[in-house]
Amino acid sequence: DQLIKQGVPPAVEGESPAQKKNRLATETFLNMPYTRQLRQLINFGALRPILDEYSTDSMRQKFMEQYGETLLEGLEIEHLIPDPNGTITADDIGDKELLDKRDESTDRFS
């Protein structure tokens, strides 16, 4: 948001080739559609604190506090909660005899 509000940095007299390259890259990036910007950020690893399996919980939490509202805007989030009755068992599925019975004629590896 801040970059978009500020706009592209103006050319500075006497800027180095590296500064000019950075300025032009920023301008190109800011002129892209939002969805493409997001895809580019993902490709460049901007989401690493969330996706990196070696990131600590505190790093992920800090990242989500900073950028979570933007990243999750418009997404439906499902919350998984444990079943108070416990895990699903064979009795919950149906006929236990049917589950235990094997049709040996269709066993490929017997």
N, C-alpha and C. Protein backbone atom coordinates (compact mmCIF):
# COMPACT_ATOMS: atom_id res chain seq x y z
N ASP A 1 0.82 -1.20 0.00
CA ASP A 1 0.00 0.00 0.00
C ASP A 1 0.86 1.26 0.00
N GLN A 2 1.85 1.27 0.86
CA GLN A 2 2.69 2.46 0.99
C GLN A 2 3.41 2.77 -0.32
N LEU A 3 3.96 1.73 -0.97
CA LEU A 3 4.65 1.95 -2.24
C LEU A 3 3.71 2.49 -3.30
N ILE A 4 2.51 1.96 -3.35
CA ILE A 4 1.54 2.40 -4.36
C ILE A 4 1.14 3.84 -4.11
N LYS A 5 0.95 4.20 -2.84
CA LYS A 5 0.57 5.57 -2.50
C LYS A 5 1.69 6.55 -2.84
N GLN A 6 2.93 6.16 -2.57
CA GLN A 6 4.06 7.03 -2.84
C GLN A 6 4.35 7.13 -4.33
N GLY A 7 4.02 6.06 -5.05
CA GLY A 7 4.28 6.05 -6.48
C GLY A 7 5.72 5.66 -6.76
N VAL A 8 6.04 5.72 -8.03
CA VAL A 8 7.39 5.34 -8.46
C VAL A 8 8.36 6.44 -8.05
N PRO A 9 9.50 6.04 -7.48
CA PRO A 9 10.48 7.06 -7.10
C PRO A 9 10.97 7.82 -8.34
N PRO A 10 11.10 9.13 -8.23
CA PRO A 10 11.54 9.91 -9.39
C PRO A 10 13.02 9.68 -9.68
N ALA A 11 13.38 9.93 -10.93
CA ALA A 11 14.79 9.83 -11.31
C ALA A 11 15.57 10.91 -10.56
N VAL A 12 16.73 10.53 -10.08
CA VAL A 12 17.59 11.45 -9.34
C VAL A 12 18.79 11.78 -10.21
N GLU A 13 19.13 13.05 -10.27
CA GLU A 13 20.28 13.47 -11.08
C GLU A 13 21.54 12.80 -10.55
N GLY A 14 22.27 12.19 -11.45
CA GLY A 14 23.51 11.52 -11.07
C GLY A 14 23.31 10.14 -10.48
N GLU A 15 22.13 9.54 -10.70
CA GLU A 15 21.90 8.20 -10.14
C GLU A 15 22.80 7.18 -10.83
N SER A 16 23.24 6.22 -10.08
CA SER A 16 24.12 5.18 -10.62
C SER A 16 23.30 4.22 -11.50
N PRO A 17 23.97 3.44 -12.32
CA PRO A 17 23.25 2.46 -13.14
C PRO A 17 22.44 1.48 -12.27
N ALA A 18 22.98 1.11 -11.12
CA ALA A 18 22.27 0.19 -10.22
C ALA A 18 21.00 0.86 -9.67
N GLN A 19 21.08 2.13 -9.30
CA GLN A 19 19.91 2.86 -8.80
C GLN A 19 18.85 3.00 -9.89
N LYS A 20 19.30 3.28 -11.12
CA LYS A 20 18.36 3.40 -12.24
C LYS A 20 17.67 2.07 -12.50
N LYS A 21 18.44 0.99 -12.46
CA LYS A 21 17.88 -0.35 -12.68
C LYS A 21 16.83 -0.66 -11.61
N ASN A 22 17.13 -0.36 -10.36
CA ASN A 22 16.18 -0.59 -9.26
C ASN A 22 14.92 0.25 -9.42
N ARG A 23 15.10 1.51 -9.81
CA ARG A 23 13.95 2.39 -10.00
C ARG A 23 13.05 1.89 -11.12
N LEU A 24 13.64 1.47 -12.23
CA LEU A 24 12.86 0.96 -13.36
C LEU A 24 12.17 -0.36 -13.01
N ALA A 25 12.85 -1.20 -12.24
CA ALA A 25 12.24 -2.46 -11.81
C ALA A 25 11.05 -2.19 -10.90
N THR A 26 11.18 -1.23 -10.00
CA THR A 26 10.08 -0.86 -9.12
C THR A 26 8.90 -0.32 -9.92
N GLU A 27 9.21 0.53 -10.90
CA GLU A 27 8.16 1.09 -11.75
C GLU A 27 7.42 -0.01 -12.52
N THR A 28 8.18 -0.94 -13.07
CA THR A 28 7.58 -2.05 -13.82
C THR A 28 6.68 -2.88 -12.90
N PHE A 29 7.18 -3.17 -11.73
CA PHE A 29 6.42 -3.98 -10.77
C PHE A 29 5.13 -3.27 -10.37
N LEU A 30 5.20 -2.00 -10.04
CA LEU A 30 4.02 -1.27 -9.58
C LEU A 30 2.98 -1.07 -10.68
N ASN A 31 3.41 -1.15 -11.93
CA ASN A 31 2.47 -1.01 -13.04
C ASN A 31 1.79 -2.32 -13.42
N MET A 32 2.19 -3.42 -12.82
CA MET A 32 1.55 -4.71 -13.08
C MET A 32 0.21 -4.78 -12.38
N PRO A 33 -0.73 -5.61 -12.90
CA PRO A 33 -1.98 -5.85 -12.17
C PRO A 33 -1.68 -6.51 -10.82
N TYR A 34 -2.57 -6.26 -9.86
CA TYR A 34 -2.35 -6.75 -8.50
C TYR A 34 -2.11 -8.26 -8.44
N THR A 35 -2.91 -9.03 -9.18
CA THR A 35 -2.75 -10.49 -9.12
C THR A 35 -1.38 -10.92 -9.63
N ARG A 36 -0.89 -10.24 -10.63
CA ARG A 36 0.45 -10.57 -11.14
C ARG A 36 1.52 -10.17 -10.13
N GLN A 37 1.33 -9.03 -9.47
CA GLN A 37 2.27 -8.62 -8.42
C GLN A 37 2.35 -9.69 -7.35
N LEU A 38 1.18 -10.16 -6.92
CA LEU A 38 1.15 -11.17 -5.87
C LEU A 38 1.86 -12.44 -6.32
N ARG A 39 1.61 -12.87 -7.55
CA ARG A 39 2.26 -14.06 -8.09
C ARG A 39 3.78 -13.88 -8.13
N GLN A 40 4.22 -12.69 -8.53
CA GLN A 40 5.66 -12.41 -8.57
C GLN A 40 6.27 -12.45 -7.17
N LEU A 41 5.57 -11.88 -6.20
CA LEU A 41 6.08 -11.90 -4.83
C LEU A 41 6.23 -13.33 -4.33
N ILE A 42 5.25 -14.15 -4.66
CA ILE A 42 5.33 -15.55 -4.25
C ILE A 42 6.53 -16.21 -4.92
N ASN A 43 6.70 -15.94 -6.22
CA ASN A 43 7.83 -16.53 -6.95
C ASN A 43 9.18 -16.07 -6.39
N PHE A 44 9.22 -14.86 -5.90
CA PHE A 44 10.49 -14.33 -5.36
C PHE A 44 10.72 -14.73 -3.92
N GLY A 45 9.81 -15.46 -3.35
CA GLY A 45 10.02 -15.96 -2.00
C GLY A 45 9.62 -15.00 -0.90
N ALA A 46 8.76 -14.04 -1.22
CA ALA A 46 8.35 -13.09 -0.20
C ALA A 46 7.53 -13.76 0.90
N LEU A 47 6.97 -14.90 0.60
CA LEU A 47 6.18 -15.61 1.59
C LEU A 47 7.00 -16.66 2.35
N ARG A 48 8.28 -16.59 2.24
CA ARG A 48 9.14 -17.60 2.87
C ARG A 48 8.88 -17.77 4.37
N PRO A 49 8.67 -16.69 5.13
CA PRO A 49 8.42 -16.91 6.56
C PRO A 49 7.21 -17.81 6.83
N ILE A 50 6.26 -17.83 5.91
CA ILE A 50 5.07 -18.67 6.08
C ILE A 50 5.33 -20.07 5.55
N LEU A 51 5.99 -20.18 4.41
CA LEU A 51 6.11 -21.46 3.72
C LEU A 51 7.34 -22.28 4.12
N ASP A 52 8.36 -21.65 4.64
CA ASP A 52 9.60 -22.33 4.98
C ASP A 52 9.39 -23.21 6.21
N GLU A 53 9.64 -24.50 6.05
CA GLU A 53 9.42 -25.42 7.18
C GLU A 53 10.38 -25.17 8.33
N TYR A 54 11.45 -24.43 8.09
CA TYR A 54 12.41 -24.13 9.16
C TYR A 54 12.10 -22.82 9.87
N SER A 55 11.08 -22.08 9.40
CA SER A 55 10.70 -20.85 10.09
C SER A 55 10.11 -21.19 11.46
N THR A 56 10.38 -20.34 12.40
CA THR A 56 9.83 -20.55 13.74
C THR A 56 8.39 -20.05 13.79
N ASP A 57 7.66 -20.49 14.79
CA ASP A 57 6.28 -20.03 14.95
C ASP A 57 6.23 -18.52 15.15
N SER A 58 7.22 -17.99 15.84
CA SER A 58 7.22 -16.55 16.09
C SER A 58 7.45 -15.77 14.79
N MET A 59 8.27 -16.31 13.88
CA MET A 59 8.48 -15.66 12.58
C MET A 59 7.19 -15.67 11.77
N ARG A 60 6.49 -16.81 11.78
CA ARG A 60 5.22 -16.90 11.05
C ARG A 60 4.18 -15.95 11.64
N GLN A 61 4.12 -15.91 12.95
CA GLN A 61 3.15 -15.04 13.63
C GLN A 61 3.42 -13.58 13.29
N LYS A 62 4.68 -13.18 13.33
CA LYS A 62 5.04 -11.79 13.03
C LYS A 62 4.67 -11.45 11.58
N PHE A 63 4.95 -12.37 10.65
CA PHE A 63 4.62 -12.15 9.24
C PHE A 63 3.11 -12.00 9.07
N MET A 64 2.34 -12.89 9.71
CA MET A 64 0.89 -12.83 9.57
C MET A 64 0.31 -11.58 10.21
N GLU A 65 0.92 -11.11 11.30
CA GLU A 65 0.45 -9.88 11.91
C GLU A 65 0.65 -8.70 10.97
N GLN A 66 1.77 -8.71 10.23
CA GLN A 66 2.08 -7.62 9.31
C GLN A 66 1.26 -7.70 8.02
N TYR A 67 1.17 -8.90 7.43
CA TYR A 67 0.62 -9.01 6.08
C TYR A 67 -0.63 -9.88 5.97
N GLY A 68 -1.06 -10.47 7.07
CA GLY A 68 -2.18 -11.41 7.02
C GLY A 68 -3.46 -10.83 6.47
N GLU A 69 -3.79 -9.62 6.86
CA GLU A 69 -5.03 -9.01 6.40
C GLU A 69 -5.04 -8.89 4.87
N THR A 70 -3.92 -8.49 4.30
CA THR A 70 -3.82 -8.35 2.85
C THR A 70 -3.85 -9.70 2.16
N LEU A 71 -3.09 -10.65 2.68
CA LEU A 71 -2.99 -11.95 2.03
C LEU A 71 -4.28 -12.75 2.11
N LEU A 72 -5.02 -12.60 3.19
CA LEU A 72 -6.21 -13.41 3.39
C LEU A 72 -7.50 -12.70 2.99
N GLU A 73 -7.38 -11.49 2.47
CA GLU A 73 -8.57 -10.73 2.09
C GLU A 73 -9.39 -11.50 1.05
N GLY A 74 -10.65 -11.69 1.36
CA GLY A 74 -11.56 -12.36 0.43
C GLY A 74 -11.52 -13.87 0.45
N LEU A 75 -10.66 -14.47 1.25
CA LEU A 75 -10.57 -15.92 1.31
C LEU A 75 -11.51 -16.47 2.38
N GLU A 76 -12.15 -17.59 2.05
CA GLU A 76 -12.93 -18.29 3.06
C GLU A 76 -11.99 -19.24 3.78
N ILE A 77 -12.02 -19.22 5.08
CA ILE A 77 -11.11 -20.05 5.87
C ILE A 77 -11.91 -21.10 6.61
N GLU A 78 -11.49 -22.35 6.47
CA GLU A 78 -12.14 -23.44 7.19
C GLU A 78 -11.36 -23.71 8.47
N HIS A 79 -12.09 -23.96 9.53
CA HIS A 79 -11.47 -24.27 10.81
C HIS A 79 -11.75 -25.73 11.14
N LEU A 80 -10.73 -26.51 11.29
CA LEU A 80 -10.89 -27.91 11.67
C LEU A 80 -10.82 -28.02 13.18
N ILE A 81 -11.82 -28.66 13.74
CA ILE A 81 -11.85 -28.85 15.19
C ILE A 81 -12.00 -30.34 15.47
N PRO A 82 -11.48 -30.82 16.58
CA PRO A 82 -11.61 -32.25 16.88
C PRO A 82 -13.06 -32.61 17.19
N ASP A 83 -13.45 -33.81 16.77
CA ASP A 83 -14.79 -34.31 17.04
C ASP A 83 -14.87 -34.67 18.52
N PRO A 84 -15.85 -34.15 19.24
CA PRO A 84 -15.95 -34.47 20.67
C PRO A 84 -16.22 -35.94 20.94
N ASN A 85 -16.69 -36.68 19.93
CA ASN A 85 -16.96 -38.11 20.08
C ASN A 85 -15.74 -38.97 19.74
N GLY A 86 -14.63 -38.36 19.40
CA GLY A 86 -13.42 -39.12 19.08
C GLY A 86 -13.26 -39.37 17.59
N THR A 87 -12.33 -40.23 17.25
CA THR A 87 -12.04 -40.51 15.85
C THR A 87 -13.08 -41.44 15.25
N ILE A 88 -13.11 -41.50 13.92
CA ILE A 88 -14.04 -42.37 13.20
C ILE A 88 -13.53 -43.81 13.30
N THR A 89 -14.46 -44.72 13.63
CA THR A 89 -14.10 -46.13 13.73
C THR A 89 -14.85 -46.93 12.67
N ALA A 90 -14.54 -48.22 12.56
CA ALA A 90 -15.22 -49.09 11.61
C ALA A 90 -16.71 -49.15 11.92
N ASP A 91 -17.09 -49.08 13.18
CA ASP A 91 -18.51 -49.10 13.55
C ASP A 91 -19.24 -47.88 12.99
N ASP A 92 -18.55 -46.75 12.88
CA ASP A 92 -19.18 -45.54 12.35
C ASP A 92 -19.42 -45.65 10.84
N ILE A 93 -18.58 -46.42 10.16
CA ILE A 93 -18.67 -46.53 8.71
C ILE A 93 -19.79 -47.46 8.28
N GLY A 94 -19.99 -48.54 8.98
CA GLY A 94 -21.05 -49.45 8.58
C GLY A 94 -20.77 -50.86 9.05
N ASP A 95 -21.10 -51.81 8.24
CA ASP A 95 -21.02 -53.23 8.56
C ASP A 95 -19.57 -53.65 8.80
N LYS A 96 -19.26 -53.98 10.05
CA LYS A 96 -17.89 -54.37 10.40
C LYS A 96 -17.49 -55.67 9.71
N GLU A 97 -18.43 -56.59 9.55
CA GLU A 97 -18.12 -57.85 8.86
C GLU A 97 -17.71 -57.60 7.43
N LEU A 98 -18.38 -56.66 6.78
CA LEU A 98 -18.05 -56.33 5.40
C LEU A 98 -16.64 -55.76 5.32
N LEU A 99 -16.27 -54.97 6.31
CA LEU A 99 -14.92 -54.39 6.31
C LEU A 99 -13.86 -55.45 6.59
N ASP A 100 -14.19 -56.44 7.42
CA ASP A 100 -13.22 -57.49 7.76
C ASP A 100 -13.12 -58.55 6.67
N LYS A 101 -14.19 -58.77 5.93
CA LYS A 101 -14.24 -59.82 4.91
C LYS A 101 -13.40 -59.39 3.70
N ARG A 102 -12.57 -60.30 3.23
CA ARG A 102 -11.75 -60.00 2.06
C ARG A 102 -12.19 -60.90 0.92
N ASP A 103 -12.32 -60.34 -0.24
CA ASP A 103 -12.63 -61.12 -1.43
C ASP A 103 -11.30 -61.53 -2.03
N GLU A 104 -10.91 -62.76 -1.73
CA GLU A 104 -9.59 -63.23 -2.14
C GLU A 104 -9.45 -63.38 -3.65
N SER A 105 -10.56 -63.48 -4.37
CA SER A 105 -10.48 -63.60 -5.82
C SER A 105 -10.02 -62.32 -6.48
N THR A 106 -10.16 -61.19 -5.76
CA THR A 106 -9.72 -59.91 -6.35
C THR A 106 -8.40 -59.42 -5.77
N ASP A 107 -7.81 -60.20 -4.85
CA ASP A 107 -6.53 -59.79 -4.31
C ASP A 107 -5.45 -59.92 -5.38
N ARG A 108 -4.88 -58.83 -5.77
CA ARG A 108 -3.88 -58.84 -6.84
C ARG A 108 -2.54 -59.43 -6.40
N PHE A 109 -2.21 -59.30 -5.14
CA PHE A 109 -0.86 -59.67 -4.71
C PHE A 109 -0.85 -60.86 -3.77
N SER A 110 -1.88 -61.68 -3.78
CA SER A 110 -1.88 -62.84 -2.87
C SER A 110 -1.29 -64.05 -3.54
